[in-house]
Protein backbone atom coordinates (compact mmCIF):
# COMPACT_ATOMS: atom_id res chain seq x y z
CA MET A 1 3.56 10.95 -10.49
CA GLU A 2 4.60 13.11 -7.83
CA GLY A 3 2.60 16.51 -7.87
CA ASP A 4 -0.02 15.19 -10.22
CA THR A 5 -3.65 15.58 -9.20
CA PHE A 6 -6.25 13.00 -9.65
CA SER A 7 -9.71 13.97 -10.07
CA GLY A 8 -11.65 10.64 -8.71
CA LEU A 9 -14.19 12.30 -6.76
CA GLY A 10 -16.88 13.05 -9.60
CA ASN A 11 -17.27 16.76 -8.33
CA GLY A 12 -14.37 18.14 -9.93
CA THR A 13 -12.14 18.18 -6.77
CA GLN A 14 -8.50 17.26 -7.76
CA ILE A 15 -6.28 15.07 -4.92
CA ASP A 16 -2.81 15.18 -5.00
CA SER A 17 -1.23 11.81 -6.20
CA LYS A 18 0.73 11.44 -2.90
CA VAL A 19 -2.76 11.56 -1.04
CA VAL A 20 -4.01 8.84 -3.18
CA GLN A 21 -0.96 6.68 -2.65
CA THR A 22 -1.21 7.34 0.93
CA PHE A 23 -4.84 6.12 0.71
CA GLN A 24 -3.89 3.15 -1.45
CA LYS A 25 -1.04 1.98 1.25
CA SER A 26 -3.37 2.35 4.08
CA PHE A 27 -6.37 0.29 2.51
CA VAL A 28 -3.97 -2.42 1.48
CA GLN A 29 -2.63 -2.55 5.05
CA VAL A 30 -6.30 -2.86 6.39
CA GLN A 31 -6.87 -5.48 3.79
CA ASN A 32 -4.18 -7.62 5.05
CA ILE A 33 -4.82 -7.73 8.76
CA LEU A 34 -8.52 -8.47 7.84
CA ASP A 35 -6.95 -11.42 5.82
CA GLN A 36 -5.13 -12.38 8.60
CA ASN A 37 -7.91 -11.80 10.99
CA ARG A 38 -10.03 -14.29 9.03
CA LEU A 39 -7.03 -17.05 9.49
CA LEU A 40 -7.07 -16.07 13.01
CA ILE A 41 -10.76 -16.63 13.39
CA ASN A 42 -10.62 -20.11 11.39
CA GLU A 43 -8.16 -21.39 13.71
CA ILE A 44 -9.61 -20.10 16.98
CA ASN A 45 -12.85 -22.00 15.77
CA GLN A 46 -11.17 -25.31 14.94
CA ASN A 47 -9.38 -25.25 18.20
CA HIS A 48 -12.69 -24.56 20.07
CA GLU A 49 -14.69 -27.45 18.13
CA SER A 50 -11.59 -29.74 18.87
CA LYS A 51 -12.02 -29.53 22.74
CA ILE A 52 -8.50 -30.33 23.18
CA PRO A 53 -6.88 -28.71 26.42
CA ASP A 54 -3.69 -27.49 24.41
CA ASN A 55 -5.93 -26.12 21.29
CA LEU A 56 -8.31 -24.11 23.94
CA SER A 57 -5.36 -22.60 25.82
CA ARG A 58 -3.89 -21.58 22.53
CA ASN A 59 -6.94 -19.58 21.64
CA VAL A 60 -6.11 -17.07 24.52
CA GLY A 61 -3.50 -15.99 22.45
CA LEU A 62 -4.93 -16.32 19.19
CA ILE A 63 -7.79 -13.80 20.83
CA ARG A 64 -5.29 -11.49 22.04
CA GLU A 65 -3.60 -11.04 18.69
CA LEU A 66 -6.99 -10.72 17.02
CA ASN A 67 -7.89 -8.07 19.56
CA ASN A 68 -4.67 -6.27 18.56
CA ASN A 69 -5.32 -6.63 14.94
CA ILE A 70 -8.89 -5.02 15.48
CA ARG A 71 -7.09 -2.02 17.28
CA ARG A 72 -4.71 -2.02 14.41
CA VAL A 73 -7.74 -1.70 12.10
CA VAL A 74 -9.41 1.13 14.06
CA ASP A 75 -6.44 3.33 14.27
CA LEU A 76 -5.65 3.01 10.50
CA TYR A 77 -9.32 3.86 9.54
CA ALA A 78 -8.99 6.86 12.09
CA ASP A 79 -5.87 8.09 10.36
CA LEU A 80 -7.55 7.48 6.93
CA SER A 81 -10.51 9.62 7.93
CA SER A 82 -8.10 12.35 9.40
CA SER A 83 -6.18 12.35 6.51
CA PHE A 84 -9.10 12.44 4.03
CA THR A 85 -10.40 15.20 5.88
CA LYS A 86 -7.17 17.17 5.80
CA SER A 87 -6.91 16.81 2.31
CA MET A 88 -10.33 17.85 1.37
CA ASP A 89 -9.99 21.05 3.51
CA ALA A 90 -6.51 21.54 1.44
CA SER A 91 -8.51 21.03 -1.68
CA SER A 92 -11.23 23.30 -0.73
CA GLU A 93 -9.02 26.20 0.14
CA GLY A 94 -7.60 26.00 -3.33
CA ASP A 95 -10.79 25.68 -4.95
CA SER A 96 -11.68 28.01 -7.89
CA SER A 97 -14.70 28.92 -6.20
CA GLY A 98 -12.72 30.45 -3.03
CA ALA A 99 -10.95 33.64 -3.48
CA MET A 100 -8.21 34.49 -0.82
CA LYS A 101 -8.99 37.83 1.11
CA SER A 102 -6.56 40.45 2.40
CA ASP A 103 -6.97 38.72 5.87
CA GLY A 104 -5.61 35.27 4.61
CA LYS A 105 -9.16 33.62 5.11
CA ALA A 106 -11.00 32.21 2.14
CA GLY A 107 -14.05 33.78 0.70
CA HIS A 108 -16.39 32.80 -1.69
CA LYS A 109 -17.28 34.15 -5.14
CA ARG A 110 -20.95 34.62 -6.16
CA ASN A 111 -21.93 33.87 -9.63
CA ARG A 112 -24.35 35.87 -11.33
CA PRO A 113 -27.24 34.25 -13.21
CA ALA A 114 -26.88 34.73 -16.85
């Protein structure tokens, strides 16, 4: 699968399978954190409703954990966005509609009407 390309954007753009695997791994991480957050929020709500002092004290730590998880999700999405931008830049540089000039910069071919 390594080195394979994936044409999954609907516009003919091909993406390296490594990139797809990286995206998939990141989305799984995000989903796992969000699932954990759902459990934390449920426990926080139960503790709050119970009004038991020990449970309310425990919420402080649970809310900190929830906030840290949210930061992790934001960081993962920022990394995904950056990776996606880099992969799109790389794929557009290798795009068949662009030709490399002698100065190393990509130029664009014009298609003449038939």
